[in-house]
Amino acid sequence: MSDKNMRKTCNFEVCRTCKNICCQDAKPPLTQKRQKIIKDYLKKQKLHIENPFLHESYSFSDVDKLGFCLFYNKKTGKCLVHDVKPETCRAGPVTFDVNCQTGKVEWYLKTPQICALVESLRENRVLFRAHFEVARRELLQLICELDVKALQALLKIEEPQTVKIGEDDLPKEVMEKLLA
């Protein structure tokens, strides 16, 4: 992801002062590809984190005793793997669901009570559109690359404090793997 696009998916000034820490209890889904990217990045940055991933119904970043992502630096408030962070982290307050009946990916925006960045995005339509396009692209890539069991597990997670903001056709290969 280019630096220009990365800036569209994070506003450090907003995120740094936020009291709703999205790096706690988040469990962002990770494909095998993303895990390799993160491991390579950690090695390149000379950061040693033993067993950085957990594998349950889907794979995600391991957490500390308080539920914080191992990549979250509590002192700086920054992500150690920001340049290669998971797709759902890049998407920020944009999330998704899959409606198999309509064959659509439904896009949702978290409420301002959940994510302070939402207010900034609402105040600036150009910024919102740019962020949403990056989020859609990142999340569609994730949806396509996740194995069917992981995707099914994610689709069972409730996210009640969201508002639907759009939908797109579900890629055919995803629909086929979900219906198989």
N, C-alpha and C. Protein backbone atom coordinates (compact mmCIF):
# COMPACT_ATOMS: atom_id res chain seq x y z
N MET A 1 0.84 -1.17 0.00
CA MET A 1 0.00 0.00 0.00
C MET A 1 0.89 1.24 0.00
N SER A 2 0.57 2.20 -0.82
CA SER A 2 1.39 3.40 -0.90
C SER A 2 1.22 4.27 0.34
N ASP A 3 2.20 5.15 0.59
CA ASP A 3 2.10 6.06 1.74
C ASP A 3 0.85 6.92 1.63
N LYS A 4 0.52 7.33 0.39
CA LYS A 4 -0.65 8.17 0.16
C LYS A 4 -1.92 7.44 0.61
N ASN A 5 -2.05 6.16 0.23
CA ASN A 5 -3.22 5.39 0.64
C ASN A 5 -3.19 5.09 2.13
N MET A 6 -2.02 4.86 2.69
CA MET A 6 -1.91 4.57 4.12
C MET A 6 -2.43 5.76 4.93
N ARG A 7 -2.12 6.98 4.50
CA ARG A 7 -2.60 8.16 5.22
C ARG A 7 -4.12 8.24 5.19
N LYS A 8 -4.74 7.70 4.13
CA LYS A 8 -6.19 7.73 4.03
C LYS A 8 -6.84 6.76 5.01
N THR A 9 -6.08 5.82 5.56
CA THR A 9 -6.67 4.81 6.43
C THR A 9 -6.31 5.01 7.89
N CYS A 10 -5.77 6.13 8.24
CA CYS A 10 -5.41 6.38 9.63
C CYS A 10 -5.26 7.88 9.84
N ASN A 11 -5.74 8.36 10.94
CA ASN A 11 -5.50 9.74 11.33
C ASN A 11 -4.92 9.67 12.73
N PHE A 12 -3.60 9.67 12.80
CA PHE A 12 -2.94 9.42 14.08
C PHE A 12 -3.36 10.42 15.14
N GLU A 13 -3.59 11.67 14.78
CA GLU A 13 -4.00 12.67 15.78
C GLU A 13 -5.34 12.30 16.40
N VAL A 14 -6.26 11.81 15.58
CA VAL A 14 -7.56 11.39 16.11
C VAL A 14 -7.39 10.10 16.91
N CYS A 15 -6.72 9.13 16.33
CA CYS A 15 -6.58 7.82 16.96
C CYS A 15 -5.78 7.89 18.26
N ARG A 16 -4.78 8.75 18.31
CA ARG A 16 -3.92 8.86 19.49
C ARG A 16 -4.68 9.37 20.71
N THR A 17 -5.67 10.22 20.49
CA THR A 17 -6.40 10.81 21.61
C THR A 17 -7.68 10.05 21.94
N CYS A 18 -8.00 9.05 21.16
CA CYS A 18 -9.22 8.28 21.34
C CYS A 18 -9.12 7.39 22.57
N LYS A 19 -10.20 7.28 23.29
CA LYS A 19 -10.25 6.41 24.48
C LYS A 19 -10.81 5.02 24.15
N ASN A 20 -11.41 4.86 22.96
CA ASN A 20 -11.89 3.55 22.51
C ASN A 20 -10.75 2.89 21.75
N ILE A 21 -10.01 2.07 22.40
CA ILE A 21 -8.81 1.52 21.79
C ILE A 21 -9.18 0.33 20.91
N CYS A 22 -9.12 0.53 19.58
CA CYS A 22 -9.50 -0.54 18.66
C CYS A 22 -8.44 -1.63 18.59
N CYS A 23 -7.31 -1.42 19.21
CA CYS A 23 -6.26 -2.43 19.23
C CYS A 23 -6.44 -3.39 20.42
N GLN A 24 -7.54 -3.23 21.14
CA GLN A 24 -7.83 -4.11 22.27
C GLN A 24 -9.06 -4.94 21.93
N ASP A 25 -8.93 -6.25 22.08
CA ASP A 25 -10.02 -7.20 21.82
C ASP A 25 -10.54 -7.17 20.38
N ALA A 26 -9.70 -6.81 19.43
CA ALA A 26 -10.14 -6.68 18.04
C ALA A 26 -10.03 -7.99 17.26
N LYS A 27 -8.93 -8.68 17.39
CA LYS A 27 -8.68 -9.93 16.67
C LYS A 27 -8.86 -9.81 15.16
N PRO A 28 -8.06 -8.96 14.52
CA PRO A 28 -8.21 -8.79 13.06
C PRO A 28 -7.85 -10.08 12.33
N PRO A 29 -8.69 -10.50 11.38
CA PRO A 29 -8.42 -11.74 10.65
C PRO A 29 -7.19 -11.62 9.77
N LEU A 30 -6.43 -12.71 9.72
CA LEU A 30 -5.20 -12.72 8.94
C LEU A 30 -5.17 -13.91 8.00
N THR A 31 -4.92 -13.64 6.75
CA THR A 31 -4.71 -14.71 5.79
C THR A 31 -3.28 -15.22 5.95
N GLN A 32 -2.98 -16.35 5.35
CA GLN A 32 -1.60 -16.86 5.36
C GLN A 32 -0.68 -15.83 4.70
N LYS A 33 -1.16 -15.22 3.64
CA LYS A 33 -0.37 -14.21 2.92
C LYS A 33 -0.03 -13.03 3.84
N ARG A 34 -1.03 -12.52 4.59
CA ARG A 34 -0.79 -11.37 5.48
C ARG A 34 0.15 -11.77 6.62
N GLN A 35 0.03 -12.99 7.13
CA GLN A 35 0.93 -13.45 8.19
C GLN A 35 2.38 -13.45 7.69
N LYS A 36 2.59 -13.91 6.48
CA LYS A 36 3.94 -13.92 5.91
C LYS A 36 4.46 -12.50 5.74
N ILE A 37 3.61 -11.61 5.25
CA ILE A 37 4.00 -10.20 5.07
C ILE A 37 4.42 -9.60 6.42
N ILE A 38 3.63 -9.86 7.45
CA ILE A 38 3.94 -9.32 8.78
C ILE A 38 5.22 -9.93 9.33
N LYS A 39 5.38 -11.25 9.20
CA LYS A 39 6.61 -11.90 9.69
C LYS A 39 7.84 -11.34 8.98
N ASP A 40 7.75 -11.17 7.66
CA ASP A 40 8.88 -10.61 6.90
C ASP A 40 9.17 -9.18 7.34
N TYR A 41 8.13 -8.40 7.60
CA TYR A 41 8.30 -7.02 8.04
C TYR A 41 8.97 -6.98 9.41
N LEU A 42 8.50 -7.83 10.33
CA LEU A 42 9.10 -7.88 11.67
C LEU A 42 10.59 -8.22 11.58
N LYS A 43 10.91 -9.17 10.73
CA LYS A 43 12.31 -9.58 10.55
C LYS A 43 13.13 -8.42 9.98
N LYS A 44 12.59 -7.76 8.98
CA LYS A 44 13.28 -6.62 8.35
C LYS A 44 13.51 -5.49 9.36
N GLN A 45 12.53 -5.27 10.24
CA GLN A 45 12.64 -4.21 11.25
C GLN A 45 13.41 -4.66 12.49
N LYS A 46 13.86 -5.93 12.47
CA LYS A 46 14.60 -6.52 13.59
C LYS A 46 13.77 -6.50 14.89
N LEU A 47 12.49 -6.80 14.73
CA LEU A 47 11.58 -6.90 15.87
C LEU A 47 11.27 -8.38 16.08
N HIS A 48 11.61 -8.89 17.24
CA HIS A 48 11.36 -10.31 17.51
C HIS A 48 10.14 -10.46 18.40
N ILE A 49 9.11 -11.05 17.82
CA ILE A 49 7.91 -11.37 18.58
C ILE A 49 7.67 -12.86 18.35
N GLU A 50 7.84 -13.62 19.42
CA GLU A 50 7.67 -15.06 19.30
C GLU A 50 6.18 -15.40 19.22
N ASN A 51 5.82 -16.24 18.28
CA ASN A 51 4.43 -16.67 18.08
C ASN A 51 3.47 -15.47 18.02
N PRO A 52 3.58 -14.65 16.98
CA PRO A 52 2.74 -13.44 16.91
C PRO A 52 1.28 -13.68 16.53
N PHE A 53 0.94 -14.92 16.16
CA PHE A 53 -0.42 -15.18 15.69
C PHE A 53 -1.09 -16.30 16.48
N LEU A 54 -2.40 -16.18 16.62
CA LEU A 54 -3.21 -17.23 17.21
C LEU A 54 -4.09 -17.82 16.12
N HIS A 55 -4.42 -19.10 16.28
CA HIS A 55 -5.24 -19.77 15.28
C HIS A 55 -6.39 -20.46 16.01
N GLU A 56 -7.58 -19.89 15.87
CA GLU A 56 -8.78 -20.49 16.44
C GLU A 56 -9.72 -20.79 15.28
N SER A 57 -10.90 -20.23 15.25
CA SER A 57 -11.78 -20.44 14.09
C SER A 57 -11.27 -19.67 12.87
N TYR A 58 -10.39 -18.71 13.13
CA TYR A 58 -9.64 -18.00 12.09
C TYR A 58 -8.34 -17.52 12.74
N SER A 59 -7.40 -17.09 11.94
CA SER A 59 -6.10 -16.62 12.45
C SER A 59 -6.15 -15.12 12.70
N PHE A 60 -5.48 -14.69 13.79
CA PHE A 60 -5.42 -13.27 14.13
C PHE A 60 -4.16 -12.99 14.95
N SER A 61 -3.87 -11.72 15.15
CA SER A 61 -2.71 -11.31 15.94
C SER A 61 -2.91 -11.73 17.39
N ASP A 62 -1.85 -12.24 18.00
CA ASP A 62 -1.90 -12.62 19.40
C ASP A 62 -2.12 -11.35 20.24
N VAL A 63 -2.54 -11.55 21.47
CA VAL A 63 -2.82 -10.42 22.36
C VAL A 63 -2.09 -10.61 23.69
N ASP A 64 -1.92 -9.51 24.42
CA ASP A 64 -1.30 -9.60 25.74
C ASP A 64 -2.36 -9.92 26.80
N LYS A 65 -1.99 -9.86 28.07
CA LYS A 65 -2.90 -10.22 29.16
C LYS A 65 -4.14 -9.32 29.23
N LEU A 66 -4.02 -8.08 28.75
CA LEU A 66 -5.15 -7.15 28.77
C LEU A 66 -5.95 -7.17 27.47
N GLY A 67 -5.58 -8.05 26.56
CA GLY A 67 -6.31 -8.15 25.30
C GLY A 67 -5.82 -7.22 24.20
N PHE A 68 -4.69 -6.54 24.44
CA PHE A 68 -4.13 -5.65 23.42
C PHE A 68 -3.37 -6.46 22.39
N CYS A 69 -3.50 -6.09 21.15
CA CYS A 69 -2.74 -6.69 20.06
C CYS A 69 -1.24 -6.59 20.39
N LEU A 70 -0.52 -7.67 20.13
CA LEU A 70 0.93 -7.65 20.41
C LEU A 70 1.67 -6.59 19.60
N PHE A 71 1.07 -6.15 18.51
CA PHE A 71 1.72 -5.14 17.67
C PHE A 71 1.42 -3.71 18.12
N TYR A 72 0.57 -3.55 19.13
CA TYR A 72 0.22 -2.22 19.63
C TYR A 72 1.25 -1.79 20.67
N ASN A 73 1.90 -0.66 20.43
CA ASN A 73 2.87 -0.11 21.36
C ASN A 73 2.13 0.84 22.30
N LYS A 74 1.93 0.44 23.54
CA LYS A 74 1.16 1.25 24.49
C LYS A 74 1.83 2.57 24.82
N LYS A 75 3.15 2.62 24.73
CA LYS A 75 3.87 3.86 25.04
C LYS A 75 3.66 4.93 23.97
N THR A 76 3.71 4.52 22.72
CA THR A 76 3.58 5.49 21.62
C THR A 76 2.17 5.57 21.06
N GLY A 77 1.36 4.53 21.33
CA GLY A 77 0.02 4.49 20.75
C GLY A 77 0.03 4.12 19.28
N LYS A 78 1.16 3.63 18.81
CA LYS A 78 1.29 3.30 17.39
C LYS A 78 1.40 1.79 17.19
N CYS A 79 1.12 1.40 15.99
CA CYS A 79 1.21 -0.01 15.59
C CYS A 79 2.62 -0.31 15.11
N LEU A 80 3.20 -1.38 15.64
CA LEU A 80 4.56 -1.77 15.23
C LEU A 80 4.61 -2.21 13.77
N VAL A 81 3.49 -2.68 13.24
CA VAL A 81 3.47 -3.16 11.86
C VAL A 81 2.55 -2.28 11.00
N HIS A 82 2.46 -1.01 11.33
CA HIS A 82 1.55 -0.09 10.64
C HIS A 82 1.67 -0.17 9.12
N ASP A 83 2.88 -0.26 8.62
CA ASP A 83 3.08 -0.27 7.16
C ASP A 83 2.48 -1.50 6.49
N VAL A 84 2.30 -2.58 7.24
CA VAL A 84 1.78 -3.82 6.66
C VAL A 84 0.61 -4.37 7.49
N LYS A 85 -0.05 -3.52 8.21
CA LYS A 85 -1.09 -3.96 9.15
C LYS A 85 -2.24 -4.67 8.43
N PRO A 86 -3.00 -5.47 9.17
CA PRO A 86 -4.11 -6.23 8.58
C PRO A 86 -5.14 -5.34 7.87
N GLU A 87 -5.81 -5.95 6.93
CA GLU A 87 -6.79 -5.23 6.10
C GLU A 87 -7.89 -4.59 6.94
N THR A 88 -8.39 -5.31 7.96
CA THR A 88 -9.46 -4.73 8.78
C THR A 88 -8.96 -3.54 9.59
N CYS A 89 -7.70 -3.54 9.95
CA CYS A 89 -7.12 -2.40 10.66
C CYS A 89 -7.02 -1.20 9.72
N ARG A 90 -6.66 -1.45 8.47
CA ARG A 90 -6.61 -0.37 7.48
C ARG A 90 -7.99 0.20 7.21
N ALA A 91 -8.98 -0.67 7.23
CA ALA A 91 -10.34 -0.24 6.94
C ALA A 91 -10.90 0.62 8.06
N GLY A 92 -10.31 0.50 9.25
CA GLY A 92 -10.73 1.34 10.38
C GLY A 92 -12.19 1.18 10.70
N PRO A 93 -12.94 2.25 10.66
CA PRO A 93 -14.34 2.15 11.06
C PRO A 93 -15.26 1.52 10.01
N VAL A 94 -14.72 1.13 8.87
CA VAL A 94 -15.53 0.46 7.85
C VAL A 94 -15.42 -1.04 8.06
N THR A 95 -16.55 -1.70 8.09
CA THR A 95 -16.59 -3.14 8.26
C THR A 95 -17.55 -3.73 7.24
N PHE A 96 -17.73 -5.03 7.27
CA PHE A 96 -18.55 -5.68 6.22
C PHE A 96 -19.34 -6.85 6.77
N ASP A 97 -20.30 -7.25 5.97
CA ASP A 97 -21.03 -8.49 6.16
C ASP A 97 -21.29 -9.03 4.76
N VAL A 98 -21.60 -10.30 4.67
CA VAL A 98 -21.92 -10.91 3.38
C VAL A 98 -23.35 -11.41 3.45
N ASN A 99 -24.15 -11.02 2.48
CA ASN A 99 -25.52 -11.48 2.38
C ASN A 99 -25.58 -12.50 1.25
N CYS A 100 -25.58 -13.77 1.61
CA CYS A 100 -25.58 -14.84 0.60
C CYS A 100 -26.89 -14.89 -0.18
N GLN A 101 -27.98 -14.39 0.41
CA GLN A 101 -29.26 -14.39 -0.31
C GLN A 101 -29.26 -13.41 -1.47
N THR A 102 -28.61 -12.26 -1.27
CA THR A 102 -28.58 -11.26 -2.35
C THR A 102 -27.29 -11.32 -3.15
N GLY A 103 -26.28 -12.04 -2.63
CA GLY A 103 -24.99 -12.09 -3.30
C GLY A 103 -24.23 -10.78 -3.20
N LYS A 104 -24.41 -10.09 -2.09
CA LYS A 104 -23.80 -8.77 -1.90
C LYS A 104 -22.86 -8.76 -0.70
N VAL A 105 -21.84 -7.93 -0.82
CA VAL A 105 -21.02 -7.55 0.32
C VAL A 105 -21.66 -6.25 0.82
N GLU A 106 -22.04 -6.24 2.08
CA GLU A 106 -22.66 -5.05 2.65
C GLU A 106 -21.62 -4.31 3.47
N TRP A 107 -21.51 -3.01 3.25
CA TRP A 107 -20.52 -2.17 3.93
C TRP A 107 -21.19 -1.42 5.06
N TYR A 108 -20.50 -1.37 6.19
CA TYR A 108 -21.02 -0.71 7.38
C TYR A 108 -19.96 0.25 7.94
N LEU A 109 -20.45 1.30 8.58
CA LEU A 109 -19.57 2.26 9.25
C LEU A 109 -19.89 2.18 10.74
N LYS A 110 -18.86 2.05 11.55
CA LYS A 110 -19.05 2.02 12.99
C LYS A 110 -19.58 3.37 13.45
N THR A 111 -20.19 3.41 14.60
CA THR A 111 -20.73 4.67 15.12
C THR A 111 -19.61 5.48 15.77
N PRO A 112 -19.82 6.78 15.93
CA PRO A 112 -18.80 7.61 16.58
C PRO A 112 -18.49 7.16 18.02
N GLN A 113 -19.44 6.50 18.68
CA GLN A 113 -19.21 6.01 20.03
C GLN A 113 -18.17 4.89 20.03
N ILE A 114 -18.05 4.20 18.92
CA ILE A 114 -17.09 3.11 18.78
C ILE A 114 -15.77 3.60 18.22
N CYS A 115 -15.83 4.56 17.28
CA CYS A 115 -14.62 5.04 16.61
C CYS A 115 -14.67 6.55 16.41
N ALA A 116 -13.72 7.24 17.04
CA ALA A 116 -13.65 8.71 16.94
C ALA A 116 -13.34 9.18 15.53
N LEU A 117 -12.71 8.35 14.73
CA LEU A 117 -12.39 8.73 13.36
C LEU A 117 -13.64 8.96 12.52
N VAL A 118 -14.76 8.36 12.91
CA VAL A 118 -16.01 8.51 12.16
C VAL A 118 -16.41 9.98 12.06
N GLU A 119 -16.29 10.72 13.13
CA GLU A 119 -16.65 12.15 13.10
C GLU A 119 -15.80 12.91 12.09
N SER A 120 -14.50 12.65 12.08
CA SER A 120 -13.62 13.31 11.11
C SER A 120 -14.02 12.96 9.68
N LEU A 121 -14.36 11.70 9.47
CA LEU A 121 -14.77 11.27 8.13
C LEU A 121 -16.10 11.90 7.74
N ARG A 122 -17.00 12.02 8.68
CA ARG A 122 -18.31 12.63 8.39
C ARG A 122 -18.17 14.12 8.06
N GLU A 123 -17.21 14.77 8.69
CA GLU A 123 -17.01 16.21 8.47
C GLU A 123 -16.35 16.51 7.13
N ASN A 124 -15.69 15.52 6.55
CA ASN A 124 -14.95 15.74 5.31
C ASN A 124 -15.31 14.64 4.31
N ARG A 125 -16.26 14.96 3.41
CA ARG A 125 -16.76 13.97 2.45
C ARG A 125 -15.66 13.45 1.52
N VAL A 126 -14.73 14.31 1.15
CA VAL A 126 -13.63 13.88 0.27
C VAL A 126 -12.77 12.85 1.00
N LEU A 127 -12.44 13.14 2.25
CA LEU A 127 -11.67 12.19 3.06
C LEU A 127 -12.44 10.89 3.25
N PHE A 128 -13.75 11.01 3.50
CA PHE A 128 -14.56 9.81 3.68
C PHE A 128 -14.53 8.95 2.42
N ARG A 129 -14.76 9.55 1.26
CA ARG A 129 -14.76 8.79 0.01
C ARG A 129 -13.42 8.11 -0.23
N ALA A 130 -12.35 8.84 0.02
CA ALA A 130 -11.01 8.27 -0.17
C ALA A 130 -10.79 7.10 0.79
N HIS A 131 -11.17 7.28 2.05
CA HIS A 131 -11.00 6.22 3.03
C HIS A 131 -11.87 5.01 2.67
N PHE A 132 -13.10 5.26 2.28
CA PHE A 132 -14.02 4.18 1.95
C PHE A 132 -13.51 3.37 0.75
N GLU A 133 -12.96 4.03 -0.24
CA GLU A 133 -12.43 3.31 -1.40
C GLU A 133 -11.27 2.40 -1.01
N VAL A 134 -10.38 2.90 -0.18
CA VAL A 134 -9.26 2.08 0.29
C VAL A 134 -9.79 0.93 1.14
N ALA A 135 -10.73 1.22 2.04
CA ALA A 135 -11.30 0.19 2.90
C ALA A 135 -11.99 -0.90 2.07
N ARG A 136 -12.78 -0.49 1.10
CA ARG A 136 -13.46 -1.47 0.23
C ARG A 136 -12.46 -2.37 -0.47
N ARG A 137 -11.45 -1.78 -1.04
CA ARG A 137 -10.43 -2.55 -1.77
C ARG A 137 -9.72 -3.53 -0.83
N GLU A 138 -9.33 -3.06 0.33
CA GLU A 138 -8.62 -3.90 1.31
C GLU A 138 -9.52 -5.04 1.81
N LEU A 139 -10.77 -4.71 2.14
CA LEU A 139 -11.67 -5.72 2.67
C LEU A 139 -12.09 -6.74 1.61
N LEU A 140 -12.29 -6.28 0.37
CA LEU A 140 -12.60 -7.22 -0.71
C LEU A 140 -11.45 -8.19 -0.93
N GLN A 141 -10.24 -7.69 -0.86
CA GLN A 141 -9.07 -8.55 -0.99
C GLN A 141 -9.07 -9.60 0.14
N LEU A 142 -9.33 -9.16 1.35
CA LEU A 142 -9.39 -10.06 2.49
C LEU A 142 -10.47 -11.12 2.29
N ILE A 143 -11.66 -10.70 1.92
CA ILE A 143 -12.78 -11.62 1.71
C ILE A 143 -12.41 -12.68 0.67
N CYS A 144 -11.75 -12.26 -0.39
CA CYS A 144 -11.36 -13.20 -1.45
C CYS A 144 -10.27 -14.16 -1.00
N GLU A 145 -9.37 -13.71 -0.15
CA GLU A 145 -8.22 -14.53 0.24
C GLU A 145 -8.45 -15.42 1.46
N LEU A 146 -9.45 -15.12 2.26
CA LEU A 146 -9.72 -15.95 3.44
C LEU A 146 -10.25 -17.31 3.01
N ASP A 147 -9.87 -18.33 3.77
CA ASP A 147 -10.46 -19.64 3.47
C ASP A 147 -11.90 -19.62 3.98
N VAL A 148 -12.69 -20.55 3.48
CA VAL A 148 -14.13 -20.54 3.73
C VAL A 148 -14.47 -20.65 5.22
N LYS A 149 -13.74 -21.46 5.97
CA LYS A 149 -14.03 -21.61 7.41
C LYS A 149 -13.77 -20.31 8.16
N ALA A 150 -12.69 -19.64 7.82
CA ALA A 150 -12.38 -18.36 8.47
C ALA A 150 -13.44 -17.32 8.12
N LEU A 151 -13.82 -17.25 6.86
CA LEU A 151 -14.83 -16.28 6.44
C LEU A 151 -16.17 -16.56 7.14
N GLN A 152 -16.56 -17.81 7.20
CA GLN A 152 -17.80 -18.17 7.88
C GLN A 152 -17.75 -17.79 9.36
N ALA A 153 -16.60 -17.99 10.00
CA ALA A 153 -16.45 -17.62 11.41
C ALA A 153 -16.60 -16.11 11.59
N LEU A 154 -15.99 -15.35 10.69
CA LEU A 154 -16.09 -13.88 10.78
C LEU A 154 -17.52 -13.40 10.60
N LEU A 155 -18.24 -14.04 9.71
CA LEU A 155 -19.60 -13.61 9.42
C LEU A 155 -20.55 -13.86 10.59
N LYS A 156 -20.13 -14.66 11.55
CA LYS A 156 -20.94 -14.92 12.74
C LYS A 156 -20.74 -13.86 13.82
N ILE A 157 -19.71 -13.03 13.68
CA ILE A 157 -19.42 -12.00 14.69
C ILE A 157 -20.38 -10.83 14.51
N GLU A 158 -21.10 -10.52 15.57
CA GLU A 158 -22.04 -9.41 15.55
C GLU A 158 -21.31 -8.08 15.72
N GLU A 159 -21.72 -7.10 14.97
CA GLU A 159 -21.21 -5.73 15.12
C GLU A 159 -22.41 -4.79 15.15
N PRO A 160 -23.08 -4.70 16.30
CA PRO A 160 -24.35 -3.98 16.36
C PRO A 160 -24.24 -2.46 16.21
N GLN A 161 -23.15 -1.87 16.60
CA GLN A 161 -23.06 -0.41 16.56
C GLN A 161 -22.46 0.05 15.24
N THR A 162 -23.19 -0.26 14.16
CA THR A 162 -22.77 0.12 12.81
C THR A 162 -23.98 0.59 12.02
N VAL A 163 -23.70 1.31 10.96
CA VAL A 163 -24.73 1.81 10.05
C VAL A 163 -24.35 1.39 8.64
N LYS A 164 -25.30 0.83 7.90
CA LYS A 164 -25.02 0.40 6.54
C LYS A 164 -24.78 1.61 5.65
N ILE A 165 -23.68 1.54 4.87
CA ILE A 165 -23.32 2.67 4.00
C ILE A 165 -23.26 2.28 2.52
N GLY A 166 -23.48 1.01 2.22
CA GLY A 166 -23.46 0.61 0.81
C GLY A 166 -23.34 -0.88 0.65
N GLU A 167 -23.29 -1.30 -0.60
CA GLU A 167 -23.10 -2.71 -0.91
C GLU A 167 -22.53 -2.85 -2.31
N ASP A 168 -21.88 -3.98 -2.53
CA ASP A 168 -21.31 -4.33 -3.83
C ASP A 168 -21.61 -5.79 -4.10
N ASP A 169 -21.53 -6.16 -5.36
CA ASP A 169 -21.67 -7.57 -5.70
C ASP A 169 -20.54 -8.35 -5.08
N LEU A 170 -20.88 -9.49 -4.53
CA LEU A 170 -19.89 -10.40 -3.96
C LEU A 170 -19.14 -11.05 -5.11
N PRO A 171 -17.81 -11.06 -5.07
CA PRO A 171 -17.07 -11.74 -6.14
C PRO A 171 -17.57 -13.18 -6.29
N LYS A 172 -17.73 -13.61 -7.53
CA LYS A 172 -18.28 -14.93 -7.84
C LYS A 172 -17.55 -16.07 -7.12
N GLU A 173 -16.21 -15.99 -7.08
CA GLU A 173 -15.44 -17.06 -6.45
C GLU A 173 -15.71 -17.16 -4.95
N VAL A 174 -16.05 -16.04 -4.32
CA VAL A 174 -16.37 -16.05 -2.89
C VAL A 174 -17.73 -16.70 -2.67
N MET A 175 -18.69 -16.31 -3.50
CA MET A 175 -20.02 -16.90 -3.39
C MET A 175 -19.96 -18.41 -3.59
N GLU A 176 -19.17 -18.85 -4.55
CA GLU A 176 -19.03 -20.27 -4.82
C GLU A 176 -18.44 -21.02 -3.64
N LYS A 177 -17.40 -20.44 -3.01
CA LYS A 177 -16.80 -21.14 -1.87
C LYS A 177 -17.72 -21.13 -0.65
N LEU A 178 -18.54 -20.09 -0.48
CA LEU A 178 -19.47 -20.07 0.64
C LEU A 178 -20.62 -21.06 0.46
N LEU A 179 -21.01 -21.27 -0.77
CA LEU A 179 -22.13 -22.19 -1.05
C LEU A 179 -21.71 -23.63 -1.23
N ALA A 180 -20.40 -23.88 -1.34
CA ALA A 180 -19.90 -25.25 -1.58
C ALA A 180 -20.09 -26.14 -0.38
